[in-house]
Amino acid sequence: MTTEPKPRKERPLYPATQRAQAVLSVWTERRRPGEVCRELSITTALLADWQERAMRGMLAALEPRRCPSTERGPALTTKLERLLNRQTQAAEAKMLKLEKRLVKLQQEPAATSARDK
C-alpha cells in the first residue's frame, strides 16, 4: 500500500470583476455568503479574504493623494533657480525705476503751473 499525497484540487481563478461582484452582492445583502460560496465553489474563508481585501482597497483609494512633484525633489535645478531670481530682481529694479520716473513726471506739471501764475 502506497501513501501518495492526494492531488490538490485546483480552484478556478476568478477575475477581479467577478470577485468584486461577489463581495458587493454580499455587502448589499442581495445574496447570502453561503450562496455565493456554493455558486463559485469557494470556501467561506476565501470569500472573507476577498471582503477584507476589498475593504483595504477602498480605504487606500480614499486616502488623500500625495503630490508627486514634492516627492521627486525640487522642480528647478539650482542653476535655473538662480537665473530666475536674477531676472526677477532685474524686472523689479526696472519697475522701481519706472515708478520713480512716473512720480517725477506727475510732480513736474504742478511745479510748472505754480511758476506760470
Protein backbone atom coordinates (compact mmCIF):
# COMPACT_ATOMS: atom_id res chain seq x y z
CA MET A 1 0.00 0.00 0.00
CA THR A 2 1.49 3.35 -1.10
CA THR A 3 0.88 6.59 0.70
CA GLU A 4 0.90 9.10 -2.09
CA PRO A 5 -0.37 12.55 -1.22
CA LYS A 6 -3.73 13.40 -2.66
CA PRO A 7 -3.50 15.70 -5.64
CA ARG A 8 -4.68 19.15 -4.69
CA LYS A 9 -7.93 20.19 -6.15
CA GLU A 10 -7.23 23.31 -8.18
CA ARG A 11 -9.50 26.20 -7.55
CA PRO A 12 -10.63 28.16 -10.55
CA LEU A 13 -9.17 31.64 -10.76
CA TYR A 14 -11.82 34.32 -10.81
CA PRO A 15 -11.26 37.70 -12.44
CA ALA A 16 -11.30 40.77 -10.20
CA THR A 17 -14.65 41.91 -11.57
CA GLN A 18 -16.30 38.63 -10.64
CA ARG A 19 -14.77 38.72 -7.15
CA ALA A 20 -15.93 42.33 -6.72
CA GLN A 21 -19.45 41.39 -7.80
CA ALA A 22 -19.48 38.52 -5.32
CA VAL A 23 -18.33 40.77 -2.46
CA LEU A 24 -20.77 43.54 -3.36
CA SER A 25 -23.68 41.12 -3.61
CA VAL A 26 -22.95 40.01 -0.04
CA TRP A 27 -22.42 43.57 1.22
CA THR A 28 -25.68 44.78 -0.32
CA GLU A 29 -27.44 41.72 1.13
CA ARG A 30 -28.73 40.59 -2.24
CA ARG A 31 -27.22 37.16 -1.60
CA ARG A 32 -26.01 35.24 1.42
CA PRO A 33 -22.34 34.34 1.76
CA GLY A 34 -23.21 30.65 1.60
CA GLU A 35 -24.99 31.10 -1.73
CA VAL A 36 -22.00 32.89 -3.22
CA CYS A 37 -19.61 30.22 -1.94
CA ARG A 38 -21.67 27.37 -3.38
CA GLU A 39 -22.13 29.14 -6.71
CA LEU A 40 -18.42 29.85 -7.12
CA SER A 41 -17.23 26.64 -5.41
CA ILE A 42 -15.13 28.57 -2.87
CA THR A 43 -14.74 28.39 0.90
CA THR A 44 -16.19 30.94 3.27
CA ALA A 45 -12.62 31.76 4.33
CA LEU A 46 -11.75 32.73 0.76
CA LEU A 47 -14.85 34.92 0.49
CA ALA A 48 -13.92 36.57 3.80
CA ASP A 49 -10.42 37.20 2.40
CA TRP A 50 -11.91 38.83 -0.70
CA GLN A 51 -14.06 41.05 1.52
CA GLU A 52 -11.05 42.13 3.61
CA ARG A 53 -9.01 42.90 0.51
CA ALA A 54 -11.90 44.87 -0.98
CA MET A 55 -12.23 46.95 2.18
CA ARG A 56 -8.47 47.63 2.31
CA GLY A 57 -8.54 48.63 -1.36
CA MET A 58 -11.40 51.06 -0.80
CA LEU A 59 -9.69 52.63 2.20
CA ALA A 60 -6.42 53.00 0.30
CA ALA A 61 -8.21 54.53 -2.69
CA LEU A 62 -9.91 57.11 -0.46
CA GLU A 63 -6.74 58.26 1.31
CA PRO A 64 -5.52 61.74 0.31
CA ARG A 65 -3.05 61.60 -2.54
CA ARG A 66 0.45 62.91 -2.13
CA CYS A 67 1.79 65.42 -4.57
CA PRO A 68 4.28 63.53 -6.75
CA SER A 69 6.29 66.65 -7.59
CA THR A 70 7.34 67.16 -3.95
CA GLU A 71 8.40 63.55 -3.61
CA ARG A 72 10.77 63.78 -6.57
CA GLY A 73 12.74 66.73 -5.22
CA PRO A 74 12.92 70.36 -6.28
CA ALA A 75 11.20 71.30 -9.51
CA LEU A 76 14.06 73.59 -10.60
CA THR A 77 17.77 72.99 -10.55
CA THR A 78 19.85 75.47 -8.56
CA LYS A 79 21.21 76.95 -11.78
CA LEU A 80 17.71 77.61 -13.15
CA GLU A 81 16.56 78.99 -9.82
CA ARG A 82 19.47 81.49 -9.72
CA LEU A 83 18.74 82.58 -13.29
CA LEU A 84 15.08 83.07 -12.48
CA ASN A 85 15.96 85.08 -9.35
CA ARG A 86 18.28 87.34 -11.34
CA GLN A 87 15.61 88.00 -13.95
CA THR A 88 13.03 88.71 -11.24
CA GLN A 89 15.37 91.16 -9.49
CA ALA A 90 16.12 92.92 -12.79
CA ALA A 91 12.41 93.25 -13.54
CA GLU A 92 11.74 94.61 -10.03
CA ALA A 93 14.58 97.16 -10.40
CA LYS A 94 13.20 98.28 -13.75
CA MET A 95 9.71 98.63 -12.26
CA LEU A 96 11.07 100.69 -9.35
CA LYS A 97 12.92 102.99 -11.77
CA LEU A 98 9.72 103.48 -13.83
CA GLU A 99 7.71 104.24 -10.68
CA LYS A 100 10.20 106.92 -9.60
CA ARG A 101 10.09 108.45 -13.08
CA LEU A 102 6.29 108.48 -13.02
CA VAL A 103 6.26 110.27 -9.65
CA LYS A 104 8.71 112.84 -11.00
CA LEU A 105 6.62 113.42 -14.15
CA GLN A 106 3.47 113.82 -12.08
CA GLN A 107 5.14 116.47 -9.91
CA GLU A 108 6.53 118.49 -12.85
CA PRO A 109 3.20 119.84 -14.15
CA ALA A 110 2.32 121.05 -10.65
CA ALA A 111 5.65 122.90 -10.39
CA THR A 112 5.24 124.35 -13.91
CA SER A 113 1.70 125.59 -13.28
CA ALA A 114 2.79 127.24 -9.97
CA ARG A 115 5.56 129.16 -11.81
CA ASP A 116 3.17 130.37 -14.52
CA LYS A 117 0.89 132.10 -12.04
